[in-house]
Amino acid sequence: MSSGPDPAVSSREILLFMVQSPDPAFTAKEIGDEFDKTRQWGHQQLQKLESSGYVSSKNPGGNSRFYWVTEGGKQYLSETRKG
């Protein structure tokens, strides 16, 4: 597993995974695990998406932060759809 930037996994791929999943929200570890990366990698990707307005997050207490796709993220997916 690597923790640095990985151009092989795009922001769009992460967002697509999130919206296609039945789960409403995700942790950085879940995102890292899905793409065979570390929790730190997942955290970096989710922070980047949050700063772009594509995901929002909430810390319900403890060490976990939950992330979900915003309307802006759904719009981005719609605008960048191939085909």
PDB file of N, CA and C in Angstrom:
ATOM      1  N   MET A   1       0.839  -1.188   0.000  1.00  0.00           N
ATOM      2  CA  MET A   1       0.000   0.000   0.000  1.00  0.00           C
ATOM      3  C   MET A   1       0.876   1.239   0.000  1.00  0.00           C
ATOM      4  N   SER A   2       0.462   2.227  -0.769  1.00  0.00           N
ATOM      5  CA  SER A   2       1.211   3.484  -0.783  1.00  0.00           C
ATOM      6  C   SER A   2       0.356   4.579  -0.173  1.00  0.00           C
ATOM      7  N   SER A   3       1.024   5.618   0.322  1.00  0.00           N
ATOM      8  CA  SER A   3       0.269   6.697   0.945  1.00  0.00           C
ATOM      9  C   SER A   3       0.381   8.005   0.179  1.00  0.00           C
ATOM     10  N   GLY A   4       1.213   8.049  -0.833  1.00  0.00           N
ATOM     11  CA  GLY A   4       1.382   9.274  -1.610  1.00  0.00           C
ATOM     12  C   GLY A   4       0.307   9.444  -2.654  1.00  0.00           C
ATOM     13  N   PRO A   5       0.385  10.545  -3.394  1.00  0.00           N
ATOM     14  CA  PRO A   5      -0.587  10.773  -4.461  1.00  0.00           C
ATOM     15  C   PRO A   5      -0.546   9.637  -5.477  1.00  0.00           C
ATOM     16  N   ASP A   6      -1.677   9.238  -5.960  1.00  0.00           N
ATOM     17  CA  ASP A   6      -1.748   8.144  -6.922  1.00  0.00           C
ATOM     18  C   ASP A   6      -2.602   8.575  -8.091  1.00  0.00           C
ATOM     19  N   PRO A   7      -1.961   8.947  -9.201  1.00  0.00           N
ATOM     20  CA  PRO A   7      -2.743   9.395 -10.354  1.00  0.00           C
ATOM     21  C   PRO A   7      -3.587   8.281 -10.960  1.00  0.00           C
ATOM     22  N   ALA A   8      -3.322   7.030 -10.550  1.00  0.00           N
ATOM     23  CA  ALA A   8      -4.104   5.924 -11.086  1.00  0.00           C
ATOM     24  C   ALA A   8      -5.527   5.909 -10.517  1.00  0.00           C
ATOM     25  N   VAL A   9      -5.755   6.580  -9.392  1.00  0.00           N
ATOM     26  CA  VAL A   9      -7.088   6.658  -8.798  1.00  0.00           C
ATOM     27  C   VAL A   9      -7.528   8.117  -8.836  1.00  0.00           C
ATOM     28  N   SER A  10      -8.540   8.395  -9.639  1.00  0.00           N
ATOM     29  CA  SER A  10      -8.995   9.776  -9.792  1.00  0.00           C
ATOM     30  C   SER A  10     -10.033  10.149  -8.741  1.00  0.00           C
ATOM     31  N   SER A  11     -10.194  11.439  -8.561  1.00  0.00           N
ATOM     32  CA  SER A  11     -11.244  11.934  -7.667  1.00  0.00           C
ATOM     33  C   SER A  11     -12.595  11.428  -8.135  1.00  0.00           C
ATOM     34  N   ARG A  12     -12.779  11.380  -9.442  1.00  0.00           N
ATOM     35  CA  ARG A  12     -14.049  10.917 -10.006  1.00  0.00           C
ATOM     36  C   ARG A  12     -14.316   9.465  -9.610  1.00  0.00           C
ATOM     37  N   GLU A  13     -13.284   8.626  -9.641  1.00  0.00           N
ATOM     38  CA  GLU A  13     -13.446   7.216  -9.259  1.00  0.00           C
ATOM     39  C   GLU A  13     -13.871   7.088  -7.797  1.00  0.00           C
ATOM     40  N   ILE A  14     -13.287   7.892  -6.943  1.00  0.00           N
ATOM     41  CA  ILE A  14     -13.639   7.854  -5.519  1.00  0.00           C
ATOM     42  C   ILE A  14     -15.081   8.303  -5.332  1.00  0.00           C
ATOM     43  N   LEU A  15     -15.463   9.407  -5.964  1.00  0.00           N
ATOM     44  CA  LEU A  15     -16.838   9.894  -5.858  1.00  0.00           C
ATOM     45  C   LEU A  15     -17.827   8.871  -6.408  1.00  0.00           C
ATOM     46  N   LEU A  16     -17.478   8.265  -7.533  1.00  0.00           N
ATOM     47  CA  LEU A  16     -18.363   7.273  -8.148  1.00  0.00           C
ATOM     48  C   LEU A  16     -18.573   6.089  -7.205  1.00  0.00           C
ATOM     49  N   PHE A  17     -17.503   5.626  -6.585  1.00  0.00           N
ATOM     50  CA  PHE A  17     -17.633   4.548  -5.605  1.00  0.00           C
ATOM     51  C   PHE A  17     -18.588   4.962  -4.487  1.00  0.00           C
ATOM     52  N   MET A  18     -18.416   6.176  -3.997  1.00  0.00           N
ATOM     53  CA  MET A  18     -19.233   6.640  -2.873  1.00  0.00           C
ATOM     54  C   MET A  18     -20.714   6.730  -3.241  1.00  0.00           C
ATOM     55  N   VAL A  19     -21.037   7.252  -4.408  1.00  0.00           N
ATOM     56  CA  VAL A  19     -22.458   7.398  -4.760  1.00  0.00           C
ATOM     57  C   VAL A  19     -23.094   6.071  -5.169  1.00  0.00           C
ATOM     58  N   GLN A  20     -22.299   5.143  -5.657  1.00  0.00           N
ATOM     59  CA  GLN A  20     -22.856   3.856  -6.076  1.00  0.00           C
ATOM     60  C   GLN A  20     -23.007   2.872  -4.922  1.00  0.00           C
ATOM     61  N   SER A  21     -22.396   3.164  -3.800  1.00  0.00           N
ATOM     62  CA  SER A  21     -22.489   2.292  -2.633  1.00  0.00           C
ATOM     63  C   SER A  21     -23.814   2.518  -1.899  1.00  0.00           C
ATOM     64  N   PRO A  22     -24.354   1.470  -1.273  1.00  0.00           N
ATOM     65  CA  PRO A  22     -25.561   1.661  -0.465  1.00  0.00           C
ATOM     66  C   PRO A  22     -25.286   2.408   0.839  1.00  0.00           C
ATOM     67  N   ASP A  23     -24.010   2.520   1.225  1.00  0.00           N
ATOM     68  CA  ASP A  23     -23.666   3.240   2.456  1.00  0.00           C
ATOM     69  C   ASP A  23     -23.798   4.742   2.245  1.00  0.00           C
ATOM     70  N   PRO A  24     -24.351   5.464   3.216  1.00  0.00           N
ATOM     71  CA  PRO A  24     -24.524   6.913   3.058  1.00  0.00           C
ATOM     72  C   PRO A  24     -23.270   7.727   3.343  1.00  0.00           C
ATOM     73  N   ALA A  25     -22.315   7.171   4.103  1.00  0.00           N
ATOM     74  CA  ALA A  25     -21.120   7.918   4.481  1.00  0.00           C
ATOM     75  C   ALA A  25     -19.963   6.942   4.682  1.00  0.00           C
ATOM     76  N   PHE A  26     -18.751   7.486   4.632  1.00  0.00           N
ATOM     77  CA  PHE A  26     -17.551   6.659   4.659  1.00  0.00           C
ATOM     78  C   PHE A  26     -16.484   7.268   5.543  1.00  0.00           C
ATOM     79  N   THR A  27     -15.605   6.410   6.063  1.00  0.00           N
ATOM     80  CA  THR A  27     -14.420   6.874   6.778  1.00  0.00           C
ATOM     81  C   THR A  27     -13.237   6.832   5.811  1.00  0.00           C
ATOM     82  N   ALA A  28     -12.156   7.492   6.198  1.00  0.00           N
ATOM     83  CA  ALA A  28     -10.944   7.475   5.381  1.00  0.00           C
ATOM     84  C   ALA A  28     -10.418   6.046   5.238  1.00  0.00           C
ATOM     85  N   LYS A  29     -10.543   5.244   6.282  1.00  0.00           N
ATOM     86  CA  LYS A  29     -10.086   3.859   6.212  1.00  0.00           C
ATOM     87  C   LYS A  29     -10.883   3.075   5.177  1.00  0.00           C
ATOM     88  N   GLU A  30     -12.184   3.280   5.132  1.00  0.00           N
ATOM     89  CA  GLU A  30     -13.003   2.564   4.154  1.00  0.00           C
ATOM     90  C   GLU A  30     -12.607   2.937   2.721  1.00  0.00           C
ATOM     91  N   ILE A  31     -12.330   4.211   2.497  1.00  0.00           N
ATOM     92  CA  ILE A  31     -11.914   4.646   1.158  1.00  0.00           C
ATOM     93  C   ILE A  31     -10.541   4.063   0.831  1.00  0.00           C
ATOM     94  N   GLY A  32      -9.616   4.118   1.779  1.00  0.00           N
ATOM     95  CA  GLY A  32      -8.305   3.519   1.568  1.00  0.00           C
ATOM     96  C   GLY A  32      -8.403   2.028   1.270  1.00  0.00           C
ATOM     97  N   ASP A  33      -9.203   1.322   2.050  1.00  0.00           N
ATOM     98  CA  ASP A  33      -9.361  -0.121   1.848  1.00  0.00           C
ATOM     99  C   ASP A  33      -9.943  -0.436   0.471  1.00  0.00           C
ATOM    100  N   GLU A  34     -10.927   0.333   0.048  1.00  0.00           N
ATOM    101  CA  GLU A  34     -11.576   0.080  -1.247  1.00  0.00           C
ATOM    102  C   GLU A  34     -10.585   0.160  -2.403  1.00  0.00           C
ATOM    103  N   PHE A  35      -9.616   1.059  -2.295  1.00  0.00           N
ATOM    104  CA  PHE A  35      -8.657   1.262  -3.388  1.00  0.00           C
ATOM    105  C   PHE A  35      -7.285   0.653  -3.061  1.00  0.00           C
ATOM    106  N   ASP A  36      -7.250  -0.255  -2.080  1.00  0.00           N
ATOM    107  CA  ASP A  36      -6.035  -0.952  -1.678  1.00  0.00           C
ATOM    108  C   ASP A  36      -4.925   0.023  -1.298  1.00  0.00           C
ATOM    109  N   LYS A  37      -5.304   1.031  -0.519  1.00  0.00           N
ATOM    110  CA  LYS A  37      -4.379   2.061  -0.045  1.00  0.00           C
ATOM    111  C   LYS A  37      -4.489   2.163   1.472  1.00  0.00           C
ATOM    112  N   THR A  38      -3.751   3.074   2.041  1.00  0.00           N
ATOM    113  CA  THR A  38      -3.768   3.269   3.492  1.00  0.00           C
ATOM    114  C   THR A  38      -4.890   4.216   3.922  1.00  0.00           C
ATOM    115  N   ARG A  39      -5.143   4.233   5.234  1.00  0.00           N
ATOM    116  CA  ARG A  39      -6.099   5.191   5.784  1.00  0.00           C
ATOM    117  C   ARG A  39      -5.625   6.614   5.513  1.00  0.00           C
ATOM    118  N   GLN A  40      -4.317   6.847   5.621  1.00  0.00           N
ATOM    119  CA  GLN A  40      -3.777   8.187   5.373  1.00  0.00           C
ATOM    120  C   GLN A  40      -4.040   8.632   3.940  1.00  0.00           C
ATOM    121  N   TRP A  41      -3.889   7.719   2.997  1.00  0.00           N
ATOM    122  CA  TRP A  41      -4.177   8.028   1.597  1.00  0.00           C
ATOM    123  C   TRP A  41      -5.651   8.411   1.459  1.00  0.00           C
ATOM    124  N   GLY A  42      -6.532   7.613   2.071  1.00  0.00           N
ATOM    125  CA  GLY A  42      -7.960   7.913   2.019  1.00  0.00           C
ATOM    126  C   GLY A  42      -8.265   9.276   2.613  1.00  0.00           C
ATOM    127  N   HIS A  43      -7.603   9.589   3.722  1.00  0.00           N
ATOM    128  CA  HIS A  43      -7.804  10.887   4.373  1.00  0.00           C
ATOM    129  C   HIS A  43      -7.376  12.032   3.451  1.00  0.00           C
ATOM    130  N   GLN A  44      -6.220  11.887   2.815  1.00  0.00           N
ATOM    131  CA  GLN A  44      -5.736  12.926   1.894  1.00  0.00           C
ATOM    132  C   GLN A  44      -6.708  13.138   0.737  1.00  0.00           C
ATOM    133  N   GLN A  45      -7.201  12.045   0.187  1.00  0.00           N
ATOM    134  CA  GLN A  45      -8.129  12.147  -0.951  1.00  0.00           C
ATOM    135  C   GLN A  45      -9.438  12.814  -0.524  1.00  0.00           C
ATOM    136  N   LEU A  46      -9.950  12.408   0.625  1.00  0.00           N
ATOM    137  CA  LEU A  46     -11.207  12.973   1.105  1.00  0.00           C
ATOM    138  C   LEU A  46     -11.055  14.452   1.466  1.00  0.00           C
ATOM    139  N   GLN A  47      -9.918  14.842   2.028  1.00  0.00           N
ATOM    140  CA  GLN A  47      -9.686  16.261   2.315  1.00  0.00           C
ATOM    141  C   GLN A  47      -9.647  17.078   1.029  1.00  0.00           C
ATOM    142  N   LYS A  48      -9.006  16.526   0.006  1.00  0.00           N
ATOM    143  CA  LYS A  48      -8.943  17.202  -1.293  1.00  0.00           C
ATOM    144  C   LYS A  48     -10.358  17.364  -1.876  1.00  0.00           C
ATOM    145  N   LEU A  49     -11.158  16.305  -1.791  1.00  0.00           N
ATOM    146  CA  LEU A  49     -12.531  16.373  -2.290  1.00  0.00           C
ATOM    147  C   LEU A  49     -13.366  17.355  -1.477  1.00  0.00           C
ATOM    148  N   GLU A  50     -13.127  17.397  -0.177  1.00  0.00           N
ATOM    149  CA  GLU A  50     -13.877  18.328   0.674  1.00  0.00           C
ATOM    150  C   GLU A  50     -13.510  19.775   0.355  1.00  0.00           C
ATOM    151  N   SER A  51     -12.228  20.031   0.127  1.00  0.00           N
ATOM    152  CA  SER A  51     -11.818  21.405  -0.193  1.00  0.00           C
ATOM    153  C   SER A  51     -12.356  21.852  -1.551  1.00  0.00           C
ATOM    154  N   SER A  52     -12.666  20.885  -2.416  1.00  0.00           N
ATOM    155  CA  SER A  52     -13.269  21.199  -3.718  1.00  0.00           C
ATOM    156  C   SER A  52     -14.793  21.324  -3.631  1.00  0.00           C
ATOM    157  N   GLY A  53     -15.348  20.988  -2.465  1.00  0.00           N
ATOM    158  CA  GLY A  53     -16.794  21.067  -2.283  1.00  0.00           C
ATOM    159  C   GLY A  53     -17.546  19.838  -2.751  1.00  0.00           C
ATOM    160  N   TYR A  54     -16.826  18.746  -3.035  1.00  0.00           N
ATOM    161  CA  TYR A  54     -17.464  17.536  -3.558  1.00  0.00           C
ATOM    162  C   TYR A  54     -17.923  16.582  -2.470  1.00  0.00           C
ATOM    163  N   VAL A  55     -17.347  16.688  -1.273  1.00  0.00           N
ATOM    164  CA  VAL A  55     -17.812  15.913  -0.127  1.00  0.00           C
ATOM    165  C   VAL A  55     -17.885  16.827   1.086  1.00  0.00           C
ATOM    166  N   SER A  56     -18.691  16.433   2.044  1.00  0.00           N
ATOM    167  CA  SER A  56     -18.761  17.099   3.350  1.00  0.00           C
ATOM    168  C   SER A  56     -18.411  16.059   4.392  1.00  0.00           C
ATOM    169  N   SER A  57     -18.121  16.531   5.604  1.00  0.00           N
ATOM    170  CA  SER A  57     -17.772  15.583   6.649  1.00  0.00           C
ATOM    171  C   SER A  57     -18.313  16.029   7.998  1.00  0.00           C
ATOM    172  N   LYS A  58     -18.326  15.071   8.904  1.00  0.00           N
ATOM    173  CA  LYS A  58     -18.767  15.327  10.270  1.00  0.00           C
ATOM    174  C   LYS A  58     -17.983  14.412  11.191  1.00  0.00           C
ATOM    175  N   ASN A  59     -17.551  14.955  12.323  1.00  0.00           N
ATOM    176  CA  ASN A  59     -16.899  14.152  13.347  1.00  0.00           C
ATOM    177  C   ASN A  59     -17.927  13.933  14.451  1.00  0.00           C
ATOM    178  N   PRO A  60     -18.454  12.706  14.551  1.00  0.00           N
ATOM    179  CA  PRO A  60     -19.486  12.438  15.554  1.00  0.00           C
ATOM    180  C   PRO A  60     -18.921  12.215  16.949  1.00  0.00           C
ATOM    181  N   GLY A  61     -17.627  12.367  17.101  1.00  0.00           N
ATOM    182  CA  GLY A  61     -16.966  12.099  18.372  1.00  0.00           C
ATOM    183  C   GLY A  61     -15.964  10.980  18.182  1.00  0.00           C
ATOM    184  N   GLY A  62     -15.018  10.920  19.045  1.00  0.00           N
ATOM    185  CA  GLY A  62     -13.991   9.891  18.902  1.00  0.00           C
ATOM    186  C   GLY A  62     -13.027  10.250  17.793  1.00  0.00           C
ATOM    187  N   ASN A  63     -12.423   9.227  17.199  1.00  0.00           N
ATOM    188  CA  ASN A  63     -11.410   9.450  16.176  1.00  0.00           C
ATOM    189  C   ASN A  63     -11.942   9.379  14.755  1.00  0.00           C
ATOM    190  N   SER A  64     -13.185   8.996  14.574  1.00  0.00           N
ATOM    191  CA  SER A  64     -13.718   8.817  13.227  1.00  0.00           C
ATOM    192  C   SER A  64     -14.351  10.089  12.679  1.00  0.00           C
ATOM    193  N   ARG A  65     -14.151  10.296  11.398  1.00  0.00           N
ATOM    194  CA  ARG A  65     -14.822  11.368  10.673  1.00  0.00           C
ATOM    195  C   ARG A  65     -15.542  10.695   9.516  1.00  0.00           C
ATOM    196  N   PHE A  66     -16.789  11.082   9.306  1.00  0.00           N
ATOM    197  CA  PHE A  66     -17.591  10.500   8.236  1.00  0.00           C
ATOM    198  C   PHE A  66     -17.725  11.491   7.088  1.00  0.00           C
ATOM    199  N   TYR A  67     -17.599  10.984   5.868  1.00  0.00           N
ATOM    200  CA  TYR A  67     -17.657  11.797   4.646  1.00  0.00           C
ATOM    201  C   TYR A  67     -18.783  11.305   3.760  1.00  0.00           C
ATOM    202  N   TRP A  68     -19.452  12.239   3.089  1.00  0.00           N
ATOM    203  CA  TRP A  68     -20.508  11.898   2.135  1.00  0.00           C
ATOM    204  C   TRP A  68     -20.423  12.858   0.959  1.00  0.00           C
ATOM    205  N   VAL A  69     -20.983  12.424  -0.158  1.00  0.00           N
ATOM    206  CA  VAL A  69     -20.943  13.215  -1.393  1.00  0.00           C
ATOM    207  C   VAL A  69     -21.989  14.323  -1.314  1.00  0.00           C
ATOM    208  N   THR A  70     -21.586  15.535  -1.684  1.00  0.00           N
ATOM    209  CA  THR A  70     -22.486  16.689  -1.693  1.00  0.00           C
ATOM    210  C   THR A  70     -23.194  16.790  -3.048  1.00  0.00           C
ATOM    211  N   GLU A  71     -24.145  17.702  -3.126  1.00  0.00           N
ATOM    212  CA  GLU A  71     -24.782  17.972  -4.417  1.00  0.00           C
ATOM    213  C   GLU A  71     -23.739  18.443  -5.433  1.00  0.00           C
ATOM    214  N   GLY A  72     -22.749  19.203  -4.960  1.00  0.00           N
ATOM    215  CA  GLY A  72     -21.665  19.642  -5.838  1.00  0.00           C
ATOM    216  C   GLY A  72     -20.873  18.471  -6.397  1.00  0.00           C
ATOM    217  N   GLY A  73     -20.657  17.465  -5.569  1.00  0.00           N
ATOM    218  CA  GLY A  73     -19.972  16.257  -6.024  1.00  0.00           C
ATOM    219  C   GLY A  73     -20.793  15.489  -7.037  1.00  0.00           C
ATOM    220  N   LYS A  74     -22.094  15.410  -6.808  1.00  0.00           N
ATOM    221  CA  LYS A  74     -22.980  14.730  -7.765  1.00  0.00           C
ATOM    222  C   LYS A  74     -23.026  15.490  -9.085  1.00  0.00           C
ATOM    223  N   GLN A  75     -23.019  16.817  -9.007  1.00  0.00           N
ATOM    224  CA  GLN A  75     -23.007  17.631 -10.208  1.00  0.00           C
ATOM    225  C   GLN A  75     -21.710  17.420 -10.997  1.00  0.00           C
ATOM    226  N   TYR A  76     -20.586  17.360 -10.288  1.00  0.00           N
ATOM    227  CA  TYR A  76     -19.290  17.088 -10.921  1.00  0.00           C
ATOM    228  C   TYR A  76     -19.329  15.756 -11.662  1.00  0.00           C
ATOM    229  N   LEU A  77     -19.876  14.731 -11.033  1.00  0.00           N
ATOM    230  CA  LEU A  77     -19.974  13.431 -11.686  1.00  0.00           C
ATOM    231  C   LEU A  77     -20.839  13.515 -12.936  1.00  0.00           C
ATOM    232  N   SER A  78     -21.930  14.237 -12.847  1.00  0.00           N
ATOM    233  CA  SER A  78     -22.819  14.398 -13.988  1.00  0.00           C
ATOM    234  C   SER A  78     -22.126  15.127 -15.152  1.00  0.00           C
ATOM    235  N   GLU A  79     -21.377  16.160 -14.819  1.00  0.00           N
ATOM    236  CA  GLU A  79     -20.695  16.966 -15.836  1.00  0.00           C
ATOM    237  C   GLU A  79     -19.517  16.237 -16.471  1.00  0.00           C
ATOM    238  N   THR A  80     -18.929  15.294 -15.767  1.00  0.00           N
ATOM    239  CA  THR A  80     -17.748  14.599 -16.278  1.00  0.00           C
ATOM    240  C   THR A  80     -18.069  13.187 -16.749  1.00  0.00           C
ATOM    241  N   ARG A  81     -19.346  12.878 -16.875  1.00  0.00           N
ATOM    242  CA  ARG A  81     -19.746  11.536 -17.327  1.00  0.00           C
ATOM    243  C   ARG A  81     -19.264  11.337 -18.751  1.00  0.00           C
ATOM    244  N   LYS A  82     -18.699  10.161 -18.988  1.00  0.00           N
ATOM    245  CA  LYS A  82     -18.225   9.832 -20.338  1.00  0.00           C
ATOM    246  C   LYS A  82     -19.337   9.182 -21.112  1.00  0.00           C
ATOM    247  N   GLY A  83     -19.376   9.456 -22.405  1.00  0.00           N
ATOM    248  CA  GLY A  83     -20.358   8.788 -23.247  1.00  0.00           C
ATOM    249  C   GLY A  83     -21.374   9.745 -23.694  1.00  0.00           C
TER     250      GLY A  83
END
